[in-house]
Every structure is written in C-alpha cells, then in structure tokens.
Amino acid sequence: MQRQKRVKNTLLVTLIALCLLFAGQQLSHAQAKLPNSATTTLTKEEQEILELSRTKWTWMADKKVESLDTLFEENCVFVHMGGSWGKKQELEVIKSGGIWYKKAEVYSASVNIFGNTAILLNDIDLVAMVGEREAINPFMVTEVYIKEHGKWKMGSLTFSHLLRPLKLNNNNKQQ
C-alpha cells in the first residue's frame, strides 16, 4: 500500500514537471500576435498612422534628416539594442551613417489610438549598417505618436529583439 502511494506520488510529480516543462518551452517562443490587417477595418486615423510609419522607414533608409526632424517630437526617445537617446543624437546617428536603416521589411503592423496618442507595433526584419557591419535582426518595433495641433509627431521608437528566426532571405534584400 505504501509503495503504491509512493509510485502514484512520483508519477504525479513527474506529470506536473513535464507539463511545466512543456508550458515553459511554449512561452519561451511566444511572440506578440498582431491582428490580421486584411480582416480589420481601419479608421482614417489608423490608416494615417500606418502610412506615416511606412514613410518614416523610407526617410530613415534615405537618410532624410530634415523630414525626420519634423516628424520627431523635440523630447522624442529612441531605444536600441545598444542604448537609448534623444532626438538630436538619433538624427546625428542617421546623418553620419552610424546606423543606416537600409531596409525595414514589415510583415505585420497594428495601431491602437487612445485620444491623441497612437501606439503602433511593427513586426519587422531590419537590414541596417551599424558602422561598417551589416546587421539583419527581427524586431517588434513600438512607435508612439502624439497628435499636436492636428499633426502626428513621434514621441518614442523602441526596437525589441524577437526570438523568431529571420523571415527575410538574401534574395529579398534591397539596397
């Protein structure tokens, strides 16, 4: 009787441990799921923010510092893998080529608007030159926009590295 109870307890503990191991494995690979834009009806403001974000990626790739200067709020913050800084430093990094955002391949994007604040999430693979070295990384990019005097201004841009493999292949890279 005692032995049967010990075997049952051992089996129960083993089963719980396996369940926890499986759940932990699943959580370690979890990533944010963005709504499918094909099935979502967007408001005019949401469409405006998504278009502004696409335009911003083009300006960053083309190093259009003047256009970015207008878009970035004065106290805008930028969070990268290597550090965080403000508008002046970000514009200088882009202008000097310290980071050249060559291509942002956007796989999905979603936007939520709260009053005069919009939060946009982009699931991207970013091809960038960091100094002399090309780097390709998967990111979830969070962009925060604030509407001031009828115009959207960027308040924050944050790159969060994803655990997923790159979706971009070498044939898709563009300069």
N, C-alpha and C. Protein backbone atom coordinates (compact mmCIF):
# COMPACT_ATOMS: atom_id res chain seq x y z
N MET A 1 0.82 -1.19 0.00
CA MET A 1 0.00 0.00 0.00
C MET A 1 0.87 1.26 0.00
N GLN A 2 1.85 1.26 0.87
CA GLN A 2 2.78 2.40 0.96
C GLN A 2 3.53 2.58 -0.36
N ARG A 3 3.94 1.49 -0.94
CA ARG A 3 4.68 1.53 -2.19
C ARG A 3 3.81 2.08 -3.32
N GLN A 4 2.54 1.66 -3.38
CA GLN A 4 1.62 2.16 -4.41
C GLN A 4 1.44 3.67 -4.27
N LYS A 5 1.32 4.15 -3.06
CA LYS A 5 1.15 5.58 -2.82
C LYS A 5 2.39 6.34 -3.28
N ARG A 6 3.58 5.81 -3.00
CA ARG A 6 4.82 6.44 -3.42
C ARG A 6 4.93 6.48 -4.95
N VAL A 7 4.54 5.41 -5.61
CA VAL A 7 4.57 5.35 -7.07
C VAL A 7 3.60 6.37 -7.66
N LYS A 8 2.39 6.47 -7.09
CA LYS A 8 1.40 7.45 -7.55
C LYS A 8 1.94 8.87 -7.39
N ASN A 9 2.53 9.16 -6.24
CA ASN A 9 3.09 10.49 -5.99
C ASN A 9 4.23 10.80 -6.98
N THR A 10 5.08 9.82 -7.22
CA THR A 10 6.18 10.01 -8.16
C THR A 10 5.65 10.26 -9.57
N LEU A 11 4.64 9.51 -9.99
CA LEU A 11 4.03 9.72 -11.30
C LEU A 11 3.38 11.10 -11.39
N LEU A 12 2.70 11.50 -10.33
CA LEU A 12 2.04 12.81 -10.31
C LEU A 12 3.07 13.93 -10.40
N VAL A 13 4.15 13.84 -9.65
CA VAL A 13 5.20 14.85 -9.69
C VAL A 13 5.85 14.88 -11.07
N THR A 14 6.09 13.72 -11.65
CA THR A 14 6.68 13.65 -12.99
C THR A 14 5.75 14.27 -14.03
N LEU A 15 4.47 13.98 -13.93
CA LEU A 15 3.49 14.55 -14.86
C LEU A 15 3.44 16.07 -14.75
N ILE A 16 3.42 16.58 -13.54
CA ILE A 16 3.41 18.04 -13.32
C ILE A 16 4.68 18.66 -13.87
N ALA A 17 5.82 18.03 -13.62
CA ALA A 17 7.09 18.56 -14.13
C ALA A 17 7.10 18.58 -15.65
N LEU A 18 6.59 17.56 -16.29
CA LEU A 18 6.53 17.53 -17.75
C LEU A 18 5.60 18.62 -18.28
N CYS A 19 4.46 18.82 -17.61
CA CYS A 19 3.54 19.89 -18.03
C CYS A 19 4.20 21.26 -17.90
N LEU A 20 4.89 21.50 -16.80
CA LEU A 20 5.58 22.78 -16.60
C LEU A 20 6.70 22.96 -17.63
N LEU A 21 7.42 21.89 -17.92
CA LEU A 21 8.48 21.96 -18.92
C LEU A 21 7.91 22.31 -20.29
N PHE A 22 6.81 21.65 -20.66
CA PHE A 22 6.17 21.92 -21.94
C PHE A 22 5.64 23.36 -22.00
N ALA A 23 4.98 23.80 -20.94
CA ALA A 23 4.45 25.18 -20.90
C ALA A 23 5.58 26.20 -20.98
N GLY A 24 6.67 25.95 -20.28
CA GLY A 24 7.82 26.86 -20.32
C GLY A 24 8.42 26.93 -21.70
N GLN A 25 8.50 25.79 -22.38
CA GLN A 25 9.03 25.76 -23.74
C GLN A 25 8.14 26.58 -24.67
N GLN A 26 6.83 26.44 -24.54
CA GLN A 26 5.90 27.20 -25.38
C GLN A 26 6.02 28.70 -25.11
N LEU A 27 6.11 29.09 -23.86
CA LEU A 27 6.21 30.51 -23.50
C LEU A 27 7.53 31.11 -23.96
N SER A 28 8.60 30.32 -23.98
CA SER A 28 9.89 30.86 -24.39
C SER A 28 9.90 31.25 -25.87
N HIS A 29 8.99 30.69 -26.66
CA HIS A 29 8.92 31.01 -28.08
C HIS A 29 7.73 31.90 -28.43
N ALA A 30 7.02 32.37 -27.42
CA ALA A 30 5.84 33.20 -27.67
C ALA A 30 6.26 34.58 -28.16
N GLN A 31 5.52 35.09 -29.12
CA GLN A 31 5.73 36.44 -29.64
C GLN A 31 4.37 37.10 -29.74
N ALA A 32 4.36 38.40 -29.79
CA ALA A 32 3.10 39.13 -29.93
C ALA A 32 2.42 38.75 -31.23
N LYS A 33 1.14 38.53 -31.15
CA LYS A 33 0.34 38.27 -32.34
C LYS A 33 -0.35 39.56 -32.72
N LEU A 34 -0.13 40.00 -33.93
CA LEU A 34 -0.75 41.23 -34.39
C LEU A 34 -2.01 40.89 -35.16
N PRO A 35 -3.01 41.75 -35.08
CA PRO A 35 -4.23 41.49 -35.83
C PRO A 35 -3.95 41.42 -37.33
N ASN A 36 -4.70 40.61 -38.01
CA ASN A 36 -4.56 40.49 -39.46
C ASN A 36 -5.23 41.69 -40.10
N SER A 37 -4.43 42.56 -40.73
CA SER A 37 -4.97 43.78 -41.30
C SER A 37 -5.96 43.51 -42.42
N ALA A 38 -5.89 42.33 -43.03
CA ALA A 38 -6.82 42.02 -44.11
C ALA A 38 -8.24 41.86 -43.60
N THR A 39 -8.38 41.50 -42.32
CA THR A 39 -9.72 41.29 -41.78
C THR A 39 -10.18 42.43 -40.89
N THR A 40 -9.37 43.45 -40.74
CA THR A 40 -9.68 44.56 -39.86
C THR A 40 -10.01 45.80 -40.69
N THR A 41 -11.10 46.46 -40.32
CA THR A 41 -11.44 47.73 -40.96
C THR A 41 -10.75 48.83 -40.17
N LEU A 42 -9.93 49.61 -40.85
CA LEU A 42 -9.16 50.65 -40.19
C LEU A 42 -9.88 51.99 -40.28
N THR A 43 -9.72 52.78 -39.23
CA THR A 43 -10.25 54.14 -39.27
C THR A 43 -9.30 55.00 -40.10
N LYS A 44 -9.75 56.19 -40.42
CA LYS A 44 -8.91 57.12 -41.19
C LYS A 44 -7.63 57.44 -40.42
N GLU A 45 -7.74 57.65 -39.11
CA GLU A 45 -6.55 57.96 -38.29
C GLU A 45 -5.59 56.79 -38.24
N GLU A 46 -6.11 55.56 -38.11
CA GLU A 46 -5.24 54.38 -38.09
C GLU A 46 -4.50 54.24 -39.42
N GLN A 47 -5.21 54.44 -40.53
CA GLN A 47 -4.57 54.40 -41.84
C GLN A 47 -3.49 55.47 -41.95
N GLU A 48 -3.78 56.66 -41.40
CA GLU A 48 -2.81 57.77 -41.44
C GLU A 48 -1.54 57.41 -40.68
N ILE A 49 -1.68 56.80 -39.52
CA ILE A 49 -0.52 56.40 -38.70
C ILE A 49 0.28 55.31 -39.40
N LEU A 50 -0.39 54.31 -39.96
CA LEU A 50 0.31 53.24 -40.68
C LEU A 50 1.07 53.79 -41.87
N GLU A 51 0.49 54.73 -42.60
CA GLU A 51 1.17 55.34 -43.75
C GLU A 51 2.35 56.20 -43.28
N LEU A 52 2.17 56.92 -42.19
CA LEU A 52 3.25 57.73 -41.63
C LEU A 52 4.43 56.84 -41.22
N SER A 53 4.13 55.70 -40.64
CA SER A 53 5.19 54.76 -40.25
C SER A 53 5.93 54.25 -41.48
N ARG A 54 5.20 53.85 -42.53
CA ARG A 54 5.85 53.38 -43.77
C ARG A 54 6.75 54.48 -44.35
N THR A 55 6.25 55.72 -44.35
CA THR A 55 7.02 56.85 -44.87
C THR A 55 8.27 57.08 -44.02
N LYS A 56 8.13 56.96 -42.71
CA LYS A 56 9.27 57.13 -41.80
C LYS A 56 10.37 56.15 -42.12
N TRP A 57 10.03 54.86 -42.39
CA TRP A 57 11.05 53.85 -42.73
C TRP A 57 11.78 54.26 -44.01
N THR A 58 11.05 54.81 -44.98
CA THR A 58 11.68 55.27 -46.23
C THR A 58 12.62 56.44 -45.95
N TRP A 59 12.17 57.39 -45.14
CA TRP A 59 13.02 58.54 -44.79
C TRP A 59 14.28 58.08 -44.07
N MET A 60 14.13 57.09 -43.19
CA MET A 60 15.30 56.59 -42.45
C MET A 60 16.27 55.91 -43.41
N ALA A 61 15.76 55.12 -44.36
CA ALA A 61 16.62 54.44 -45.34
C ALA A 61 17.32 55.46 -46.23
N ASP A 62 16.61 56.52 -46.59
CA ASP A 62 17.16 57.55 -47.48
C ASP A 62 17.92 58.65 -46.73
N LYS A 63 18.01 58.51 -45.41
CA LYS A 63 18.71 59.48 -44.53
C LYS A 63 18.14 60.90 -44.70
N LYS A 64 16.84 61.01 -44.81
CA LYS A 64 16.16 62.32 -44.95
C LYS A 64 15.99 62.95 -43.57
N VAL A 65 17.09 63.47 -43.06
CA VAL A 65 17.14 64.00 -41.70
C VAL A 65 16.18 65.17 -41.51
N GLU A 66 16.01 66.03 -42.52
CA GLU A 66 15.12 67.19 -42.40
C GLU A 66 13.67 66.72 -42.19
N SER A 67 13.24 65.73 -42.97
CA SER A 67 11.88 65.19 -42.83
C SER A 67 11.70 64.54 -41.46
N LEU A 68 12.71 63.78 -41.03
CA LEU A 68 12.64 63.12 -39.72
C LEU A 68 12.63 64.14 -38.60
N ASP A 69 13.38 65.22 -38.75
CA ASP A 69 13.42 66.28 -37.75
C ASP A 69 12.02 66.86 -37.52
N THR A 70 11.26 66.98 -38.59
CA THR A 70 9.89 67.49 -38.48
C THR A 70 8.98 66.46 -37.81
N LEU A 71 9.20 65.19 -38.10
CA LEU A 71 8.36 64.13 -37.54
C LEU A 71 8.62 63.89 -36.07
N PHE A 72 9.89 63.91 -35.65
CA PHE A 72 10.25 63.59 -34.27
C PHE A 72 9.93 64.76 -33.34
N GLU A 73 9.18 64.49 -32.28
CA GLU A 73 8.91 65.47 -31.23
C GLU A 73 10.25 65.84 -30.58
N GLU A 74 10.37 67.05 -30.09
CA GLU A 74 11.64 67.53 -29.51
C GLU A 74 12.18 66.60 -28.42
N ASN A 75 11.29 66.08 -27.57
CA ASN A 75 11.77 65.21 -26.48
C ASN A 75 11.53 63.72 -26.79
N CYS A 76 11.53 63.39 -28.08
CA CYS A 76 11.36 62.01 -28.53
C CYS A 76 12.50 61.14 -27.99
N VAL A 77 12.19 59.88 -27.68
CA VAL A 77 13.20 58.94 -27.20
C VAL A 77 13.31 57.75 -28.14
N PHE A 78 14.53 57.23 -28.26
CA PHE A 78 14.83 56.11 -29.14
C PHE A 78 15.53 55.04 -28.32
N VAL A 79 15.00 53.82 -28.38
CA VAL A 79 15.57 52.71 -27.61
C VAL A 79 16.05 51.66 -28.61
N HIS A 80 17.36 51.41 -28.59
CA HIS A 80 18.01 50.46 -29.49
C HIS A 80 18.61 49.33 -28.66
N MET A 81 19.14 48.32 -29.34
CA MET A 81 19.81 47.22 -28.65
C MET A 81 21.03 47.73 -27.88
N GLY A 82 21.68 48.77 -28.41
CA GLY A 82 22.92 49.26 -27.81
C GLY A 82 22.77 50.46 -26.90
N GLY A 83 21.55 50.94 -26.70
CA GLY A 83 21.37 52.09 -25.82
C GLY A 83 20.14 52.90 -26.17
N SER A 84 19.96 53.97 -25.46
CA SER A 84 18.81 54.85 -25.71
C SER A 84 19.29 56.29 -25.69
N TRP A 85 18.60 57.13 -26.47
CA TRP A 85 18.98 58.53 -26.58
C TRP A 85 17.83 59.35 -27.12
N GLY A 86 18.06 60.62 -27.30
CA GLY A 86 17.04 61.56 -27.74
C GLY A 86 17.11 61.88 -29.22
N LYS A 87 16.28 62.85 -29.60
CA LYS A 87 16.12 63.25 -31.00
C LYS A 87 17.43 63.70 -31.64
N LYS A 88 18.15 64.59 -30.97
CA LYS A 88 19.36 65.16 -31.55
C LYS A 88 20.37 64.06 -31.89
N GLN A 89 20.57 63.13 -30.96
CA GLN A 89 21.54 62.06 -31.19
C GLN A 89 21.06 61.11 -32.28
N GLU A 90 19.76 60.80 -32.31
CA GLU A 90 19.24 59.90 -33.35
C GLU A 90 19.44 60.49 -34.74
N LEU A 91 19.12 61.78 -34.87
CA LEU A 91 19.30 62.44 -36.17
C LEU A 91 20.78 62.45 -36.58
N GLU A 92 21.66 62.66 -35.61
CA GLU A 92 23.10 62.67 -35.91
C GLU A 92 23.58 61.27 -36.30
N VAL A 93 23.08 60.25 -35.64
CA VAL A 93 23.44 58.87 -35.96
C VAL A 93 23.01 58.53 -37.39
N ILE A 94 21.80 58.98 -37.78
CA ILE A 94 21.31 58.73 -39.14
C ILE A 94 22.13 59.53 -40.15
N LYS A 95 22.33 60.81 -39.87
CA LYS A 95 23.06 61.68 -40.79
C LYS A 95 24.49 61.19 -41.02
N SER A 96 25.17 60.78 -39.96
CA SER A 96 26.56 60.35 -40.06
C SER A 96 26.71 58.94 -40.61
N GLY A 97 25.63 58.19 -40.65
CA GLY A 97 25.71 56.81 -41.10
C GLY A 97 26.12 55.85 -40.00
N GLY A 98 26.15 56.32 -38.75
CA GLY A 98 26.45 55.44 -37.61
C GLY A 98 25.52 54.24 -37.61
N ILE A 99 24.26 54.49 -37.90
CA ILE A 99 23.28 53.44 -38.20
C ILE A 99 22.59 53.86 -39.49
N TRP A 100 22.65 53.00 -40.48
CA TRP A 100 21.93 53.23 -41.72
C TRP A 100 20.83 52.18 -41.81
N TYR A 101 19.61 52.64 -41.67
CA TYR A 101 18.45 51.76 -41.74
C TYR A 101 18.19 51.46 -43.22
N LYS A 102 18.88 50.48 -43.77
CA LYS A 102 18.80 50.21 -45.21
C LYS A 102 17.42 49.74 -45.64
N LYS A 103 16.83 48.82 -44.89
CA LYS A 103 15.53 48.29 -45.27
C LYS A 103 14.82 47.72 -44.06
N ALA A 104 13.57 48.11 -43.91
CA ALA A 104 12.70 47.51 -42.90
C ALA A 104 11.64 46.72 -43.64
N GLU A 105 11.73 45.42 -43.57
CA GLU A 105 10.71 44.55 -44.18
C GLU A 105 9.62 44.35 -43.13
N VAL A 106 8.47 44.99 -43.34
CA VAL A 106 7.37 44.95 -42.37
C VAL A 106 6.45 43.80 -42.74
N TYR A 107 6.27 42.87 -41.79
CA TYR A 107 5.42 41.70 -42.02
C TYR A 107 4.01 41.92 -41.51
N SER A 108 3.87 42.66 -40.44
CA SER A 108 2.54 42.99 -39.94
C SER A 108 2.67 44.25 -39.09
N ALA A 109 1.56 44.95 -39.01
CA ALA A 109 1.52 46.18 -38.22
C ALA A 109 0.13 46.34 -37.63
N SER A 110 0.07 46.89 -36.44
CA SER A 110 -1.22 47.19 -35.83
C SER A 110 -1.09 48.53 -35.13
N VAL A 111 -2.20 49.22 -35.02
CA VAL A 111 -2.20 50.52 -34.36
C VAL A 111 -3.41 50.62 -33.44
N ASN A 112 -3.18 51.18 -32.27
CA ASN A 112 -4.24 51.46 -31.31
C ASN A 112 -4.17 52.95 -30.98
N ILE A 113 -5.31 53.60 -31.02
CA ILE A 113 -5.36 55.04 -30.74
C ILE A 113 -6.12 55.26 -29.44
N PHE A 114 -5.52 56.06 -28.57
CA PHE A 114 -6.09 56.42 -27.28
C PHE A 114 -6.11 57.94 -27.20
N GLY A 115 -7.21 58.57 -27.57
CA GLY A 115 -7.27 60.03 -27.56
C GLY A 115 -6.32 60.60 -28.58
N ASN A 116 -5.32 61.38 -28.11
CA ASN A 116 -4.35 61.99 -29.03
C ASN A 116 -3.04 61.20 -29.10
N THR A 117 -3.07 59.93 -28.64
CA THR A 117 -1.88 59.08 -28.65
C THR A 117 -2.15 57.83 -29.48
N ALA A 118 -1.21 57.50 -30.35
CA ALA A 118 -1.30 56.28 -31.15
C ALA A 118 -0.09 55.41 -30.85
N ILE A 119 -0.34 54.13 -30.65
CA ILE A 119 0.73 53.15 -30.42
C ILE A 119 0.68 52.16 -31.56
N LEU A 120 1.80 52.07 -32.28
CA LEU A 120 1.90 51.21 -33.45
C LEU A 120 2.93 50.12 -33.18
N LEU A 121 2.60 48.89 -33.53
CA LEU A 121 3.53 47.77 -33.44
C LEU A 121 3.84 47.28 -34.85
N ASN A 122 5.12 47.11 -35.14
CA ASN A 122 5.58 46.57 -36.42
C ASN A 122 6.39 45.30 -36.16
N ASP A 123 6.03 44.20 -36.80
CA ASP A 123 6.86 43.00 -36.80
C ASP A 123 7.73 43.11 -38.05
N ILE A 124 9.04 43.32 -37.86
CA ILE A 124 9.93 43.59 -39.00
C ILE A 124 11.19 42.75 -38.94
N ASP A 125 11.81 42.63 -40.10
CA ASP A 125 13.23 42.27 -40.19
C ASP A 125 13.91 43.54 -40.65
N LEU A 126 14.92 43.98 -39.93
CA LEU A 126 15.63 45.22 -40.25
C LEU A 126 17.01 44.90 -40.79
N VAL A 127 17.28 45.42 -41.98
CA VAL A 127 18.62 45.35 -42.56
C VAL A 127 19.26 46.71 -42.30
N ALA A 128 20.34 46.73 -41.56
CA ALA A 128 20.98 48.00 -41.20
C ALA A 128 22.49 47.86 -41.26
N MET A 129 23.13 48.97 -41.56
CA MET A 129 24.58 49.06 -41.44
C MET A 129 24.84 49.73 -40.09
N VAL A 130 25.55 49.05 -39.25
CA VAL A 130 25.93 49.59 -37.95
C VAL A 130 27.44 49.77 -38.01
N GLY A 131 27.84 51.03 -38.23
CA GLY A 131 29.24 51.29 -38.53
C GLY A 131 29.57 50.69 -39.88
N GLU A 132 30.54 49.78 -39.91
CA GLU A 132 30.97 49.14 -41.16
C GLU A 132 30.33 47.77 -41.37
N ARG A 133 29.48 47.35 -40.45
CA ARG A 133 28.96 45.98 -40.46
C ARG A 133 27.47 45.94 -40.75
N GLU A 134 27.07 45.06 -41.67
CA GLU A 134 25.64 44.87 -41.93
C GLU A 134 25.06 43.94 -40.88
N ALA A 135 23.91 44.32 -40.37
CA ALA A 135 23.21 43.50 -39.37
C ALA A 135 21.77 43.33 -39.83
N ILE A 136 21.26 42.11 -39.71
CA ILE A 136 19.86 41.83 -40.02
C ILE A 136 19.26 41.20 -38.78
N ASN A 137 18.22 41.86 -38.24
CA ASN A 137 17.61 41.40 -37.00
C ASN A 137 16.09 41.43 -37.09
N PRO A 138 15.44 40.47 -36.42
CA PRO A 138 13.98 40.52 -36.30
C PRO A 138 13.61 41.38 -35.09
N PHE A 139 12.72 42.32 -35.29
CA PHE A 139 12.30 43.21 -34.21
C PHE A 139 10.78 43.34 -34.15
N MET A 140 10.28 43.60 -32.96
CA MET A 140 8.96 44.17 -32.78
C MET A 140 9.27 45.62 -32.45
N VAL A 141 8.86 46.51 -33.33
CA VAL A 141 9.14 47.93 -33.15
C VAL A 141 7.87 48.60 -32.62
N THR A 142 8.04 49.32 -31.53
CA THR A 142 6.93 50.07 -30.95
C THR A 142 7.14 51.54 -31.26
N GLU A 143 6.16 52.14 -31.92
CA GLU A 143 6.20 53.56 -32.25
C GLU A 143 5.06 54.24 -31.51
N VAL A 144 5.36 55.33 -30.85
CA VAL A 144 4.33 56.10 -30.15
C VAL A 144 4.24 57.46 -30.83
N TYR A 145 3.04 57.82 -31.22
CA TYR A 145 2.78 59.11 -31.86
C TYR A 145 1.81 59.91 -31.02
N ILE A 146 2.01 61.24 -31.00
CA ILE A 146 1.14 62.16 -30.27
C ILE A 146 0.62 63.18 -31.27
N LYS A 147 -0.68 63.41 -31.24
CA LYS A 147 -1.26 64.40 -32.16
C LYS A 147 -1.23 65.77 -31.49
N GLU A 148 -0.51 66.70 -32.13
CA GLU A 148 -0.39 68.08 -31.63
C GLU A 148 -0.76 69.04 -32.74
N HIS A 149 -1.70 69.91 -32.44
CA HIS A 149 -2.14 70.92 -33.41
C HIS A 149 -2.52 70.28 -34.74
N GLY A 150 -3.21 69.13 -34.68
CA GLY A 150 -3.69 68.45 -35.87
C GLY A 150 -2.66 67.62 -36.62
N LYS A 151 -1.42 67.53 -36.10
CA LYS A 151 -0.36 66.75 -36.76
C LYS A 151 0.18 65.68 -35.82
N TRP A 152 0.49 64.53 -36.39
CA TRP A 152 1.09 63.44 -35.62
C TRP A 152 2.60 63.64 -35.54
N LYS A 153 3.14 63.53 -34.32
CA LYS A 153 4.58 63.64 -34.07
C LYS A 153 5.01 62.37 -33.32
N MET A 154 6.21 61.88 -33.65
CA MET A 154 6.71 60.69 -32.96
C MET A 154 7.25 61.06 -31.60
N GLY A 155 6.81 60.30 -30.59
CA GLY A 155 7.28 60.52 -29.22
C GLY A 155 8.27 59.46 -28.76
N SER A 156 8.23 58.27 -29.40
CA SER A 156 9.11 57.19 -28.99
C SER A 156 9.21 56.15 -30.10
N LEU A 157 10.41 55.57 -30.22
CA LEU A 157 10.66 54.48 -31.15
C LEU A 157 11.52 53.46 -30.42
N THR A 158 10.99 52.24 -30.24
CA THR A 158 11.68 51.21 -29.47
C THR A 158 11.82 49.94 -30.29
N PHE A 159 13.04 49.42 -30.35
CA PHE A 159 13.32 48.16 -31.04
C PHE A 159 13.44 47.06 -30.00
N SER A 160 12.54 46.08 -30.05
CA SER A 160 12.61 44.91 -29.16
C SER A 160 12.98 43.70 -30.00
N HIS A 161 14.13 43.10 -29.70
CA HIS A 161 14.63 41.96 -30.48
C HIS A 161 13.72 40.76 -30.25
N LEU A 162 13.34 40.09 -31.34
CA LEU A 162 12.47 38.91 -31.28
C LEU A 162 13.29 37.64 -31.31
N LEU A 163 12.74 36.59 -30.73
CA LEU A 163 13.40 35.29 -30.72
C LEU A 163 13.14 34.50 -31.99
N ARG A 164 12.18 34.95 -32.79
CA ARG A 164 11.84 34.20 -34.01
C ARG A 164 12.99 34.26 -35.01
N PRO A 165 13.05 33.27 -35.90
CA PRO A 165 14.07 33.33 -36.94
C PRO A 165 13.75 34.44 -37.95
N LEU A 166 14.77 34.86 -38.67
CA LEU A 166 14.57 35.85 -39.72
C LEU A 166 13.62 35.30 -40.77
N LYS A 167 12.74 36.16 -41.27
CA LYS A 167 11.86 35.80 -42.38
C LYS A 167 12.46 36.26 -43.70
N LEU A 168 13.29 37.29 -43.63
CA LEU A 168 13.91 37.87 -44.81
C LEU A 168 14.99 36.93 -45.32
N ASN A 169 14.96 36.62 -46.62
CA ASN A 169 16.06 35.82 -47.16
C ASN A 169 16.94 36.71 -48.02
N ASN A 170 18.10 36.23 -48.36
CA ASN A 170 19.08 37.05 -49.09
C ASN A 170 18.56 37.55 -50.42
N ASN A 171 17.64 36.84 -51.05
CA ASN A 171 17.09 37.28 -52.32
C ASN A 171 16.18 38.48 -52.18
N ASN A 172 15.63 38.70 -50.97
CA ASN A 172 14.71 39.80 -50.74
C ASN A 172 15.42 41.08 -50.32
N LYS A 173 16.71 41.01 -50.00
CA LYS A 173 17.42 42.20 -49.53
C LYS A 173 17.51 43.22 -50.65
N GLN A 174 17.24 44.47 -50.29
CA GLN A 174 17.36 45.56 -51.24
C GLN A 174 18.25 46.63 -50.65
N GLN A 175 18.97 47.33 -51.50
CA GLN A 175 19.86 48.39 -51.01
C GLN A 175 19.11 49.68 -50.98
